[in-house]
């Protein structure tokens, strides 16, 4: 039976699908399919890759997590399964020492292995410093966002995001139209940590998002 035409009694025969879920699937199916088709069109028009857990290009480090997102959206060219990935995050209100340290770490990584990917969150402070240092040294860099790829937040980092798309690029696990609300930043932090072999925290106050990334 085709998913578009399956009725509730047929869906209830699927393992894990009860009566309530079957009725909800039937009631919301057309709208969900319409949104999915719109998402695919947007991705095609904007050179966005959509990876599912079943795809060989889906990041293996992320796939190993029990809560791995079933779909990720990626506007970039870097191989997310390279041998080494390092995430660098920290406070938005960083000192000169913090920015210098982030820059030096990226430069030393670049001198060690030119294929290392630098991952961060494209936020103010340490995050964008790490991205820009990677761009200057020729390392691919991936920015994990807390919203859909139909926008860049903060908007002042659009030029950096555009430069990253040539060697790395922005990545997200939410569809277009998703707003950068607080709970999405927590999910973003989880992705940043899960994509990398190691996470470097620079100048993070207690109980801030950067430390939540390390805890992930």
Protein backbone atom coordinates (compact mmCIF):
# COMPACT_ATOMS: atom_id res chain seq x y z
CA UNK A 1 0.00 0.00 0.00
CA UNK A 2 1.39 3.41 -0.94
CA UNK A 3 1.98 5.76 2.03
CA UNK A 4 -0.20 8.41 0.35
CA UNK A 5 -3.23 6.10 0.21
CA UNK A 6 -2.87 3.89 3.29
CA UNK A 7 -5.85 4.05 5.62
CA UNK A 8 -5.82 4.02 9.40
CA UNK A 9 -6.60 0.26 9.79
CA UNK A 10 -3.70 -0.58 7.46
CA UNK A 11 -1.33 1.74 9.29
CA UNK A 12 -2.25 0.19 12.64
CA UNK A 13 -0.75 -3.08 11.37
CA UNK A 14 2.70 -1.45 11.26
CA UNK A 15 4.78 -2.26 14.33
CA UNK A 16 4.87 0.67 16.75
CA UNK A 17 1.89 2.45 15.18
CA UNK A 18 -1.23 2.39 17.34
CA UNK A 19 -4.73 3.62 16.71
CA UNK A 20 -4.11 7.19 17.78
CA UNK A 21 -0.95 7.56 15.70
CA UNK A 22 -2.55 5.94 12.66
CA UNK A 23 -5.45 8.39 12.76
CA UNK A 24 -3.08 11.30 13.19
CA UNK A 25 -0.98 10.19 10.23
CA UNK A 26 -4.03 10.03 8.00
CA UNK A 27 -5.32 13.42 9.20
CA UNK A 28 -2.00 15.24 8.76
CA UNK A 29 -0.47 13.29 5.86
CA UNK A 30 -1.31 15.65 3.01
CA UNK A 31 -0.03 18.71 4.85
CA UNK A 32 3.18 16.92 5.89
CA UNK A 33 3.85 15.77 2.32
CA UNK A 34 3.25 19.29 1.03
CA UNK A 35 5.81 20.69 3.50
CA UNK A 36 8.29 17.95 2.58
CA UNK A 37 7.97 18.76 -1.13
CA UNK A 38 8.52 22.47 -0.40
CA UNK A 39 11.61 21.61 1.64
CA UNK A 40 13.07 19.53 -1.18
CA UNK A 41 12.44 22.32 -3.70
CA UNK A 42 14.11 24.89 -1.45
CA UNK A 43 17.10 22.61 -0.92
CA UNK A 44 17.45 22.03 -4.66
CA UNK A 45 17.22 25.75 -5.44
CA UNK A 46 19.83 26.69 -2.81
CA UNK A 47 22.36 23.85 -3.19
CA UNK A 48 21.47 22.36 0.19
CA UNK A 49 22.21 18.69 0.76
CA UNK A 50 19.69 16.69 2.75
CA UNK A 51 21.20 13.70 4.54
CA UNK A 52 19.17 11.02 6.30
CA UNK A 53 20.44 8.33 8.64
CA UNK A 54 20.29 5.91 5.72
CA UNK A 55 22.72 7.97 3.58
CA UNK A 56 26.40 7.04 3.41
CA UNK A 57 27.36 10.74 3.62
CA UNK A 58 25.52 11.22 6.93
CA UNK A 59 28.19 12.03 9.56
CA UNK A 60 29.26 8.75 11.18
CA UNK A 61 30.17 10.44 14.48
CA UNK A 62 26.66 11.86 14.68
CA UNK A 63 25.08 8.57 13.59
CA UNK A 64 26.65 6.89 16.64
CA UNK A 65 24.56 9.04 19.00
CA UNK A 66 21.33 7.55 20.31
CA UNK A 67 19.54 10.86 19.68
CA UNK A 68 21.01 11.46 16.21
CA UNK A 69 18.63 13.62 14.13
CA UNK A 70 16.98 11.60 11.34
CA UNK A 71 17.63 14.42 8.85
CA UNK A 72 20.30 17.12 8.58
CA UNK A 73 20.57 19.98 6.10
CA UNK A 74 24.00 21.02 4.86
CA UNK A 75 25.00 23.83 2.51
CA UNK A 76 28.64 23.03 1.99
CA UNK A 77 31.25 20.86 0.36
CA UNK A 78 33.48 19.49 3.13
CA UNK A 79 33.39 15.77 3.86
CA UNK A 80 31.70 15.40 7.26
CA UNK A 81 33.38 12.01 7.67
CA UNK A 82 37.00 13.14 7.45
CA UNK A 83 39.57 11.62 9.80
CA UNK A 84 39.65 14.55 12.24
CA UNK A 85 37.07 17.14 13.30
CA UNK A 86 37.56 19.63 16.16
CA UNK A 87 34.87 21.91 17.55
CA UNK A 88 35.83 25.23 19.16
CA UNK A 89 33.25 27.20 21.14
CA UNK A 90 33.20 29.81 23.88
CA UNK A 91 31.80 33.02 25.21
CA UNK A 92 30.29 35.71 23.03
CA UNK A 93 31.96 38.37 25.19
CA UNK A 94 35.51 37.15 24.73
CA UNK A 95 38.71 38.95 25.66
CA UNK A 96 41.67 39.60 23.41
CA UNK A 97 43.33 36.65 25.11
CA UNK A 98 40.40 34.42 24.15
CA UNK A 99 40.37 35.44 20.50
CA UNK A 100 44.16 35.11 20.27
CA UNK A 101 43.99 31.66 21.83
CA UNK A 102 41.24 30.51 19.46
CA UNK A 103 43.22 31.81 16.50
CA UNK A 104 46.44 30.15 17.65
CA UNK A 105 44.73 26.79 18.18
CA UNK A 106 43.30 26.86 14.67
CA UNK A 107 46.65 27.89 13.18
CA UNK A 108 48.45 25.06 14.98
CA UNK A 109 45.82 22.55 13.86
CA UNK A 110 46.20 23.78 10.27
CA UNK A 111 49.96 23.32 10.47
CA UNK A 112 49.44 19.77 11.73
CA UNK A 113 46.77 18.56 9.29
CA UNK A 114 45.28 20.66 6.50
CA UNK A 115 42.25 18.36 6.26
CA UNK A 116 40.97 18.96 9.82
CA UNK A 117 37.48 20.47 9.94
CA UNK A 118 36.76 23.21 12.48
CA UNK A 119 33.18 23.18 13.79
CA UNK A 120 31.50 25.95 15.74
CA UNK A 121 28.16 27.75 16.08
CA UNK A 122 28.64 30.95 14.00
CA UNK A 123 27.82 33.01 17.11
CA UNK A 124 29.52 36.20 18.24
CA UNK A 125 32.83 35.94 20.04
CA UNK A 126 34.87 32.74 20.10
CA UNK A 127 32.66 30.92 17.57
CA UNK A 128 33.03 33.33 14.69
CA UNK A 129 36.69 33.90 15.58
CA UNK A 130 37.33 30.17 15.13
CA UNK A 131 35.47 30.13 11.80
CA UNK A 132 37.39 33.13 10.46
CA UNK A 133 40.72 31.74 11.60
CA UNK A 134 39.94 28.52 9.76
CA UNK A 135 39.11 30.44 6.60
CA UNK A 136 42.38 32.38 6.82
CA UNK A 137 44.43 29.22 7.27
CA UNK A 138 42.61 27.24 4.59
CA UNK A 139 40.89 24.77 6.90
CA UNK A 140 37.33 23.74 6.09
CA UNK A 141 34.90 25.01 8.72
CA UNK A 142 31.29 24.08 9.46
CA UNK A 143 28.84 26.34 11.27
CA UNK A 144 26.05 24.54 13.11
CA UNK A 145 22.95 26.75 13.27
CA UNK A 146 20.00 26.95 15.64
CA UNK A 147 17.49 27.65 12.85
CA UNK A 148 16.66 26.73 9.28
CA UNK A 149 19.03 27.40 6.39
CA UNK A 150 16.70 30.04 4.98
CA UNK A 151 18.43 32.60 7.21
CA UNK A 152 21.71 33.39 8.93
CA UNK A 153 21.69 34.49 12.57
CA UNK A 154 23.25 36.77 13.56
CA UNK A 155 22.81 38.57 10.25
CA UNK A 156 26.18 40.31 10.63
CA UNK A 157 27.86 36.95 9.98
CA UNK A 158 26.32 36.41 6.54
CA UNK A 159 29.57 37.19 4.73
CA UNK A 160 31.45 34.69 6.89
CA UNK A 161 28.78 32.05 6.27
CA UNK A 162 28.98 32.67 2.52
CA UNK A 163 32.77 32.25 2.57
CA UNK A 164 32.41 29.05 4.61
CA UNK A 165 30.07 27.54 2.00
CA UNK A 166 33.05 27.30 -0.37
CA UNK A 167 34.96 25.12 2.11
CA UNK A 168 32.76 23.77 4.87
CA UNK A 169 29.45 25.55 5.21
CA UNK A 170 26.41 25.92 7.46
CA UNK A 171 24.57 22.86 8.79
CA UNK A 172 21.31 22.35 10.67
CA UNK A 173 18.90 19.63 11.73
CA UNK A 174 15.73 21.72 11.44
CA UNK A 175 13.72 22.65 8.32
CA UNK A 176 13.29 26.08 6.80
CA UNK A 177 11.15 28.48 8.79
CA UNK A 178 12.59 27.31 12.12
CA UNK A 179 13.32 30.28 14.39
CA UNK A 180 16.44 30.70 16.58
CA UNK A 181 14.62 30.16 19.89
CA UNK A 182 16.47 29.15 23.10
CA UNK A 183 15.68 25.42 22.96
CA UNK A 184 17.12 25.22 19.45
CA UNK A 185 20.47 26.54 20.69
CA UNK A 186 20.67 23.64 23.12
CA UNK A 187 20.07 21.20 20.25
CA UNK A 188 22.71 23.04 18.21
CA UNK A 189 25.23 22.60 21.02
CA UNK A 190 24.56 18.87 21.03
CA UNK A 191 25.23 18.73 17.27
CA UNK A 192 28.46 20.70 17.59
CA UNK A 193 29.81 18.24 20.13
CA UNK A 194 28.52 15.14 18.36
CA UNK A 195 30.10 16.06 15.02
CA UNK A 196 33.60 16.36 16.46
CA UNK A 197 36.31 14.14 17.91
CA UNK A 198 37.21 16.81 20.47
CA UNK A 199 35.64 20.02 21.75
CA UNK A 200 37.69 23.03 22.89
CA UNK A 201 36.01 25.49 25.27
CA UNK A 202 37.47 29.00 25.51
CA UNK A 203 36.42 31.53 28.15
CA UNK A 204 32.99 30.19 29.01
CA UNK A 205 31.22 31.42 32.17
CA UNK A 206 29.59 28.81 34.39
CA UNK A 207 26.11 27.68 33.30
CA UNK A 208 26.51 28.98 29.77
CA UNK A 209 25.90 27.25 26.42
CA UNK A 210 29.55 26.52 25.70
CA UNK A 211 29.82 24.36 28.80
CA UNK A 212 26.55 22.68 27.83
CA UNK A 213 28.29 21.76 24.57
CA UNK A 214 31.08 20.08 26.49
CA UNK A 215 28.55 18.23 28.64
CA UNK A 216 26.93 16.88 25.49
